[in-house]
Amino acid sequence: MSAPPDPQRTHQLLQQLRQSYRSGRSLREADLGPDWLAQLRAWIEEAVAAGILEPNAMVLATASAEGRPNARSVLLRGLDERGLHFFTNYRSAKGHELAENPRAAVVFPWIAMGRQVVAAGPVQPLSAEESDAYFATRPRGHQLGAAASPQSRVVPDRAALDRAMRDVVERYPDGTTVPRPPYWGGFVLAPETVEFWEGREDRLHDRLRYRATDRGWVLERLAP
């Protein structure tokens, strides 16, 4: 067994870890697309081209009715004028929180590119038809896993999950269709703000934000 970590060394390492952004890029108002949707699509394509691991991964922040915050990573699976689409178990922690408090924020942490995007706004479920259509595109193993996992609930051990998976596999043998569980489906976050962040030297980062108003979207610069 290796020696336990030295708390003082860990503390020093955390203080010493520092990344300076020297990409040479700058983010100007004139560089951005005509709206948040066009700009987010462009940056996602650039993240894919740059080889970012899971460029559609985003940190989803939710809160309970009492305001207790929670966060986890999910995958962006759709993007249109309505907003950002993701899918989950409605009985999961995030599913319950979105039912109680239907607002959320997401962050795309493209650290390797010195970029991030932050979007926030109300959330509502996608239609059953859209959830069915997406579920049908998932790999069969993912479909079976969605049916087997009581997401966010306490389970006694790994063996319990494996047994649940075997039960689902027996229920839906090869050659049969795995139906979408009624407790699994999609959400869409309709952004009220979308911020595009680009790292710059001396922590004077560029932050440009699209914000919804009664007169339409406005673009504004935020201090870093």
C-alpha atoms as a PDB file:
ATOM      1  CA  MET A   1       0.000   0.000   0.000  1.00  0.00           C
ATOM      2  CA  SER A   2       1.359   3.414  -0.917  1.00  0.00           C
ATOM      3  CA  ALA A   3       1.975   6.053   1.729  1.00  0.00           C
ATOM      4  CA  PRO A   4      -0.933   8.436   2.384  1.00  0.00           C
ATOM      5  CA  PRO A   5      -0.635  11.834   0.706  1.00  0.00           C
ATOM      6  CA  ASP A   6       0.996  14.639   2.634  1.00  0.00           C
ATOM      7  CA  PRO A   7      -1.712  17.288   3.312  1.00  0.00           C
ATOM      8  CA  GLN A   8       0.838  20.116   3.313  1.00  0.00           C
ATOM      9  CA  ARG A   9       2.279  19.014  -0.021  1.00  0.00           C
ATOM     10  CA  THR A  10      -1.201  18.790  -1.530  1.00  0.00           C
ATOM     11  CA  HIS A  11      -1.937  22.290  -0.263  1.00  0.00           C
ATOM     12  CA  GLN A  12       1.287  23.629  -1.799  1.00  0.00           C
ATOM     13  CA  LEU A  13       0.604  21.899  -5.100  1.00  0.00           C
ATOM     14  CA  LEU A  14      -2.852  23.457  -5.299  1.00  0.00           C
ATOM     15  CA  GLN A  15      -1.374  26.911  -4.735  1.00  0.00           C
ATOM     16  CA  GLN A  16       1.356  26.369  -7.320  1.00  0.00           C
ATOM     17  CA  LEU A  17      -0.803  24.936 -10.104  1.00  0.00           C
ATOM     18  CA  ARG A  18      -1.327  27.779 -12.515  1.00  0.00           C
ATOM     19  CA  GLN A  19      -2.149  27.992 -16.206  1.00  0.00           C
ATOM     20  CA  SER A  20      -1.405  31.107 -18.232  1.00  0.00           C
ATOM     21  CA  TYR A  21      -3.428  31.536 -21.406  1.00  0.00           C
ATOM     22  CA  ARG A  22      -1.139  32.561 -24.267  1.00  0.00           C
ATOM     23  CA  SER A  23      -3.133  31.480 -27.291  1.00  0.00           C
ATOM     24  CA  GLY A  24      -2.701  34.823 -29.023  1.00  0.00           C
ATOM     25  CA  ARG A  25      -6.417  34.878 -29.736  1.00  0.00           C
ATOM     26  CA  SER A  26      -8.788  37.619 -28.763  1.00  0.00           C
ATOM     27  CA  LEU A  27     -12.556  37.556 -28.730  1.00  0.00           C
ATOM     28  CA  ARG A  28     -14.103  40.692 -30.168  1.00  0.00           C
ATOM     29  CA  GLU A  29     -17.738  41.534 -30.559  1.00  0.00           C
ATOM     30  CA  ALA A  30     -17.282  41.568 -34.334  1.00  0.00           C
ATOM     31  CA  ASP A  31     -15.972  37.980 -34.203  1.00  0.00           C
ATOM     32  CA  LEU A  32     -19.183  36.499 -32.858  1.00  0.00           C
ATOM     33  CA  GLY A  33     -22.075  35.078 -34.841  1.00  0.00           C
ATOM     34  CA  PRO A  34     -25.393  36.860 -35.287  1.00  0.00           C
ATOM     35  CA  ASP A  35     -26.905  35.005 -32.327  1.00  0.00           C
ATOM     36  CA  TRP A  36     -25.954  32.619 -29.533  1.00  0.00           C
ATOM     37  CA  LEU A  37     -27.089  29.560 -31.487  1.00  0.00           C
ATOM     38  CA  ALA A  38     -24.863  30.242 -34.494  1.00  0.00           C
ATOM     39  CA  GLN A  39     -21.918  30.995 -32.225  1.00  0.00           C
ATOM     40  CA  LEU A  40     -22.356  27.880 -30.093  1.00  0.00           C
ATOM     41  CA  ARG A  41     -22.625  25.702 -33.178  1.00  0.00           C
ATOM     42  CA  ALA A  42     -19.392  27.241 -34.497  1.00  0.00           C
ATOM     43  CA  TRP A  43     -17.495  26.674 -31.255  1.00  0.00           C
ATOM     44  CA  ILE A  44     -18.751  23.096 -30.944  1.00  0.00           C
ATOM     45  CA  GLU A  45     -17.478  22.364 -34.449  1.00  0.00           C
ATOM     46  CA  GLU A  46     -14.123  23.933 -33.554  1.00  0.00           C
ATOM     47  CA  ALA A  47     -13.944  21.837 -30.378  1.00  0.00           C
ATOM     48  CA  VAL A  48     -14.612  18.687 -32.429  1.00  0.00           C
ATOM     49  CA  ALA A  49     -11.925  19.680 -34.954  1.00  0.00           C
ATOM     50  CA  ALA A  50      -9.462  20.322 -32.093  1.00  0.00           C
ATOM     51  CA  GLY A  51      -9.932  16.769 -30.828  1.00  0.00           C
ATOM     52  CA  ILE A  52     -11.449  17.746 -27.484  1.00  0.00           C
ATOM     53  CA  LEU A  53     -12.555  14.634 -25.578  1.00  0.00           C
ATOM     54  CA  GLU A  54     -16.365  14.579 -25.564  1.00  0.00           C
ATOM     55  CA  PRO A  55     -16.793  18.171 -26.774  1.00  0.00           C
ATOM     56  CA  ASN A  56     -20.541  17.882 -26.159  1.00  0.00           C
ATOM     57  CA  ALA A  57     -20.007  17.170 -22.445  1.00  0.00           C
ATOM     58  CA  MET A  58     -21.407  19.917 -20.235  1.00  0.00           C
ATOM     59  CA  VAL A  59     -21.665  20.388 -16.491  1.00  0.00           C
ATOM     60  CA  LEU A  60     -25.357  20.681 -15.614  1.00  0.00           C
ATOM     61  CA  ALA A  61     -26.185  22.625 -12.434  1.00  0.00           C
ATOM     62  CA  THR A  62     -29.609  22.261 -10.855  1.00  0.00           C
ATOM     63  CA  ALA A  63     -31.119  23.021  -7.455  1.00  0.00           C
ATOM     64  CA  SER A  64     -33.827  21.533  -5.283  1.00  0.00           C
ATOM     65  CA  ALA A  65     -36.979  23.384  -4.277  1.00  0.00           C
ATOM     66  CA  GLU A  66     -35.095  24.431  -1.121  1.00  0.00           C
ATOM     67  CA  GLY A  67     -32.221  25.818  -3.192  1.00  0.00           C
ATOM     68  CA  ARG A  68     -29.696  23.060  -2.525  1.00  0.00           C
ATOM     69  CA  PRO A  69     -27.342  23.074  -5.533  1.00  0.00           C
ATOM     70  CA  ASN A  70     -26.191  20.007  -7.415  1.00  0.00           C
ATOM     71  CA  ALA A  71     -24.023  19.464 -10.489  1.00  0.00           C
ATOM     72  CA  ARG A  72     -22.908  16.672 -12.781  1.00  0.00           C
ATOM     73  CA  SER A  73     -21.736  16.138 -16.358  1.00  0.00           C
ATOM     74  CA  VAL A  74     -24.236  15.269 -19.095  1.00  0.00           C
ATOM     75  CA  LEU A  75     -24.031  15.163 -22.880  1.00  0.00           C
ATOM     76  CA  LEU A  76     -25.584  17.707 -25.201  1.00  0.00           C
ATOM     77  CA  ARG A  77     -27.662  15.680 -27.661  1.00  0.00           C
ATOM     78  CA  GLY A  78     -29.546  18.365 -29.574  1.00  0.00           C
ATOM     79  CA  LEU A  79     -29.324  22.064 -30.316  1.00  0.00           C
ATOM     80  CA  ASP A  80     -31.907  24.258 -32.010  1.00  0.00           C
ATOM     81  CA  GLU A  81     -33.831  27.514 -31.650  1.00  0.00           C
ATOM     82  CA  ARG A  82     -35.598  26.133 -28.576  1.00  0.00           C
ATOM     83  CA  GLY A  83     -32.364  25.509 -26.717  1.00  0.00           C
ATOM     84  CA  LEU A  84     -30.002  22.770 -25.558  1.00  0.00           C
ATOM     85  CA  HIS A  85     -31.274  19.169 -25.380  1.00  0.00           C
ATOM     86  CA  PHE A  86     -30.128  16.465 -22.971  1.00  0.00           C
ATOM     87  CA  PHE A  87     -31.561  13.152 -21.783  1.00  0.00           C
ATOM     88  CA  THR A  88     -31.729  11.409 -18.431  1.00  0.00           C
ATOM     89  CA  ASN A  89     -33.760   9.308 -16.029  1.00  0.00           C
ATOM     90  CA  TYR A  90     -36.640  11.466 -14.796  1.00  0.00           C
ATOM     91  CA  ARG A  91     -36.403   9.695 -11.418  1.00  0.00           C
ATOM     92  CA  SER A  92     -32.735  10.668 -10.995  1.00  0.00           C
ATOM     93  CA  ALA A  93     -31.586  13.462  -8.704  1.00  0.00           C
ATOM     94  CA  LYS A  94     -31.492  15.931 -11.570  1.00  0.00           C
ATOM     95  CA  GLY A  95     -34.874  14.755 -12.796  1.00  0.00           C
ATOM     96  CA  HIS A  96     -36.449  15.395  -9.398  1.00  0.00           C
ATOM     97  CA  GLU A  97     -34.693  18.740  -9.038  1.00  0.00           C
ATOM     98  CA  LEU A  98     -35.827  19.931 -12.460  1.00  0.00           C
ATOM     99  CA  ALA A  99     -39.393  18.919 -11.608  1.00  0.00           C
ATOM    100  CA  GLU A 100     -39.232  20.954  -8.386  1.00  0.00           C
ATOM    101  CA  ASN A 101     -37.202  23.869  -9.701  1.00  0.00           C
ATOM    102  CA  PRO A 102     -37.243  23.938 -13.532  1.00  0.00           C
ATOM    103  CA  ARG A 103     -34.224  26.184 -14.058  1.00  0.00           C
ATOM    104  CA  ALA A 104     -30.623  25.193 -14.743  1.00  0.00           C
ATOM    105  CA  ALA A 105     -27.212  26.288 -15.965  1.00  0.00           C
ATOM    106  CA  VAL A 106     -24.671  24.420 -18.070  1.00  0.00           C
ATOM    107  CA  VAL A 107     -20.940  24.869 -18.636  1.00  0.00           C
ATOM    108  CA  PHE A 108     -18.893  23.515 -21.547  1.00  0.00           C
ATOM    109  CA  PRO A 109     -15.363  23.305 -20.030  1.00  0.00           C
ATOM    110  CA  TRP A 110     -13.088  23.235 -23.070  1.00  0.00           C
ATOM    111  CA  ILE A 111     -10.002  23.790 -20.922  1.00  0.00           C
ATOM    112  CA  ALA A 112      -7.561  22.513 -23.555  1.00  0.00           C
ATOM    113  CA  MET A 113      -8.751  25.258 -25.913  1.00  0.00           C
ATOM    114  CA  GLY A 114      -8.800  27.972 -23.261  1.00  0.00           C
ATOM    115  CA  ARG A 115     -12.533  28.336 -23.784  1.00  0.00           C
ATOM    116  CA  GLN A 116     -15.787  27.786 -21.986  1.00  0.00           C
ATOM    117  CA  VAL A 117     -19.456  28.478 -22.648  1.00  0.00           C
ATOM    118  CA  VAL A 118     -22.035  29.082 -19.912  1.00  0.00           C
ATOM    119  CA  ALA A 119     -25.784  29.027 -20.588  1.00  0.00           C
ATOM    120  CA  ALA A 120     -28.644  29.448 -18.120  1.00  0.00           C
ATOM    121  CA  GLY A 121     -32.426  29.498 -18.299  1.00  0.00           C
ATOM    122  CA  PRO A 122     -35.656  27.585 -17.728  1.00  0.00           C
ATOM    123  CA  VAL A 123     -35.928  23.873 -18.518  1.00  0.00           C
ATOM    124  CA  GLN A 124     -38.874  21.813 -19.694  1.00  0.00           C
ATOM    125  CA  PRO A 125     -39.322  18.195 -20.853  1.00  0.00           C
ATOM    126  CA  LEU A 126     -39.081  17.295 -24.499  1.00  0.00           C
ATOM    127  CA  SER A 127     -42.036  15.544 -26.074  1.00  0.00           C
ATOM    128  CA  ALA A 128     -42.447  11.789 -25.763  1.00  0.00           C
ATOM    129  CA  GLU A 129     -42.022  11.547 -29.542  1.00  0.00           C
ATOM    130  CA  GLU A 130     -38.634  13.293 -29.400  1.00  0.00           C
ATOM    131  CA  SER A 131     -37.518  11.127 -26.491  1.00  0.00           C
ATOM    132  CA  ASP A 132     -38.601   7.990 -28.356  1.00  0.00           C
ATOM    133  CA  ALA A 133     -36.736   9.092 -31.474  1.00  0.00           C
ATOM    134  CA  TYR A 134     -33.494   9.724 -29.614  1.00  0.00           C
ATOM    135  CA  PHE A 135     -33.746   6.542 -27.507  1.00  0.00           C
ATOM    136  CA  ALA A 136     -34.033   4.509 -30.702  1.00  0.00           C
ATOM    137  CA  THR A 137     -30.643   5.850 -31.875  1.00  0.00           C
ATOM    138  CA  ARG A 138     -28.795   4.745 -28.728  1.00  0.00           C
ATOM    139  CA  PRO A 139     -26.566   1.649 -28.778  1.00  0.00           C
ATOM    140  CA  ARG A 140     -28.476  -1.381 -27.559  1.00  0.00           C
ATOM    141  CA  GLY A 141     -26.320  -1.685 -24.454  1.00  0.00           C
ATOM    142  CA  HIS A 142     -27.127   1.905 -23.504  1.00  0.00           C
ATOM    143  CA  GLN A 143     -30.826   1.198 -23.942  1.00  0.00           C
ATOM    144  CA  LEU A 144     -30.590  -1.847 -21.691  1.00  0.00           C
ATOM    145  CA  GLY A 145     -28.588   0.114 -19.122  1.00  0.00           C
ATOM    146  CA  ALA A 146     -31.209   2.856 -19.004  1.00  0.00           C
ATOM    147  CA  ALA A 147     -33.883   0.254 -18.282  1.00  0.00           C
ATOM    148  CA  ALA A 148     -31.767  -1.507 -15.646  1.00  0.00           C
ATOM    149  CA  SER A 149     -30.354   1.379 -13.617  1.00  0.00           C
ATOM    150  CA  PRO A 150     -32.352   3.011 -10.791  1.00  0.00           C
ATOM    151  CA  GLN A 151     -30.292   6.149 -11.353  1.00  0.00           C
ATOM    152  CA  SER A 152     -29.197   8.127  -8.258  1.00  0.00           C
ATOM    153  CA  ARG A 153     -30.708   5.579  -5.854  1.00  0.00           C
ATOM    154  CA  VAL A 154     -28.615   3.737  -3.262  1.00  0.00           C
ATOM    155  CA  VAL A 155     -27.825   0.152  -4.295  1.00  0.00           C
ATOM    156  CA  PRO A 156     -26.260  -2.487  -2.028  1.00  0.00           C
ATOM    157  CA  ASP A 157     -23.336  -3.334  -4.312  1.00  0.00           C
ATOM    158  CA  ARG A 158     -22.181  -3.710  -7.913  1.00  0.00           C
ATOM    159  CA  ALA A 159     -23.663  -7.202  -8.055  1.00  0.00           C
ATOM    160  CA  ALA A 160     -27.146  -5.713  -7.675  1.00  0.00           C
ATOM    161  CA  LEU A 161     -26.623  -3.634 -10.811  1.00  0.00           C
ATOM    162  CA  ASP A 162     -25.272  -6.620 -12.701  1.00  0.00           C
ATOM    163  CA  ARG A 163     -28.320  -8.695 -11.693  1.00  0.00           C
ATOM    164  CA  ALA A 164     -30.663  -5.914 -12.814  1.00  0.00           C
ATOM    165  CA  MET A 165     -28.854  -5.779 -16.157  1.00  0.00           C
ATOM    166  CA  ARG A 166     -29.134  -9.554 -16.610  1.00  0.00           C
ATOM    167  CA  ASP A 167     -32.844  -9.378 -15.858  1.00  0.00           C
ATOM    168  CA  VAL A 168     -33.344  -6.708 -18.524  1.00  0.00           C
ATOM    169  CA  VAL A 169     -31.267  -8.655 -21.057  1.00  0.00           C
ATOM    170  CA  GLU A 170     -33.458 -11.714 -20.444  1.00  0.00           C
ATOM    171  CA  ARG A 171     -36.585  -9.600 -20.841  1.00  0.00           C
ATOM    172  CA  TYR A 172     -35.377  -8.154 -24.156  1.00  0.00           C
ATOM    173  CA  PRO A 173     -33.231 -10.813 -25.889  1.00  0.00           C
ATOM    174  CA  ASP A 174     -31.314 -10.090 -29.077  1.00  0.00           C
ATOM    175  CA  GLY A 175     -33.604  -9.365 -31.974  1.00  0.00           C
ATOM    176  CA  THR A 176     -36.244  -7.656 -29.851  1.00  0.00           C
ATOM    177  CA  THR A 177     -36.794  -3.931 -29.453  1.00  0.00           C
ATOM    178  CA  VAL A 178     -35.908  -2.300 -26.151  1.00  0.00           C
ATOM    179  CA  PRO A 179     -38.708   0.202 -25.460  1.00  0.00           C
ATOM    180  CA  ARG A 180     -37.925   3.561 -23.922  1.00  0.00           C
ATOM    181  CA  PRO A 181     -38.692   3.388 -20.205  1.00  0.00           C
ATOM    182  CA  PRO A 182     -41.498   5.833 -19.329  1.00  0.00           C
ATOM    183  CA  TYR A 183     -39.251   7.349 -16.663  1.00  0.00           C
ATOM    184  CA  TRP A 184     -36.477   8.184 -19.144  1.00  0.00           C
ATOM    185  CA  GLY A 185     -36.477  11.066 -21.606  1.00  0.00           C
ATOM    186  CA  GLY A 186     -35.280  14.475 -22.642  1.00  0.00           C
ATOM    187  CA  PHE A 187     -35.179  18.056 -21.456  1.00  0.00           C
ATOM    188  CA  VAL A 188     -34.528  21.322 -23.253  1.00  0.00           C
ATOM    189  CA  LEU A 189     -32.839  24.288 -21.590  1.00  0.00           C
ATOM    190  CA  ALA A 190     -34.087  27.543 -23.169  1.00  0.00           C
ATOM    191  CA  PRO A 191     -31.227  29.962 -22.514  1.00  0.00           C
ATOM    192  CA  GLU A 192     -31.818  33.458 -21.225  1.00  0.00           C
ATOM    193  CA  THR A 193     -28.071  34.103 -21.185  1.00  0.00           C
ATOM    194  CA  VAL A 194     -25.196  32.473 -23.078  1.00  0.00           C
ATOM    195  CA  GLU A 195     -21.646  33.549 -22.268  1.00  0.00           C
ATOM    196  CA  PHE A 196     -18.631  32.831 -24.466  1.00  0.00           C
ATOM    197  CA  TRP A 197     -15.345  32.893 -22.542  1.00  0.00           C
ATOM    198  CA  GLU A 198     -11.859  33.001 -24.047  1.00  0.00           C
ATOM    199  CA  GLY A 199      -8.733  32.859 -21.865  1.00  0.00           C
ATOM    200  CA  ARG A 200      -6.301  35.781 -22.101  1.00  0.00           C
ATOM    201  CA  GLU A 201      -3.021  36.704 -20.424  1.00  0.00           C
ATOM    202  CA  ASP A 202      -2.925  38.067 -16.874  1.00  0.00           C
ATOM    203  CA  ARG A 203      -6.429  36.736 -16.208  1.00  0.00           C
ATOM    204  CA  LEU A 204      -7.933  39.537 -18.303  1.00  0.00           C
ATOM    205  CA  HIS A 205     -10.122  37.048 -20.106  1.00  0.00           C
ATOM    206  CA  ASP A 206     -12.640  37.900 -22.795  1.00  0.00           C
ATOM    207  CA  ARG A 207     -16.259  37.350 -21.739  1.00  0.00           C
ATOM    208  CA  LEU A 208     -19.009  38.133 -24.230  1.00  0.00           C
ATOM    209  CA  ARG A 209     -22.603  37.361 -23.291  1.00  0.00           C
ATOM    210  CA  TYR A 210     -25.818  37.149 -25.276  1.00  0.00           C
ATOM    211  CA  ARG A 211     -28.736  38.154 -23.043  1.00  0.00           C
ATOM    212  CA  ALA A 212     -32.449  37.915 -23.851  1.00  0.00           C
ATOM    213  CA  THR A 213     -34.472  41.125 -23.459  1.00  0.00           C
ATOM    214  CA  ASP A 214     -37.962  42.266 -24.417  1.00  0.00           C
ATOM    215  CA  ARG A 215     -36.407  43.736 -27.564  1.00  0.00           C
ATOM    216  CA  GLY A 216     -34.506  40.590 -28.493  1.00  0.00           C
ATOM    217  CA  TRP A 217     -30.962  39.448 -27.809  1.00  0.00           C
ATOM    218  CA  VAL A 218     -28.261  41.915 -26.801  1.00  0.00           C
ATOM    219  CA  LEU A 219     -24.511  41.265 -26.767  1.00  0.00           C
ATOM    220  CA  GLU A 220     -22.516  42.661 -23.876  1.00  0.00           C
ATOM    221  CA  ARG A 221     -18.972  42.387 -22.552  1.00  0.00           C
ATOM    222  CA  LEU A 222     -18.360  41.318 -18.969  1.00  0.00           C
ATOM    223  CA  ALA A 223     -15.298  42.128 -16.887  1.00  0.00           C
ATOM    224  CA  PRO A 224     -13.210  39.028 -16.110  1.00  0.00           C
END
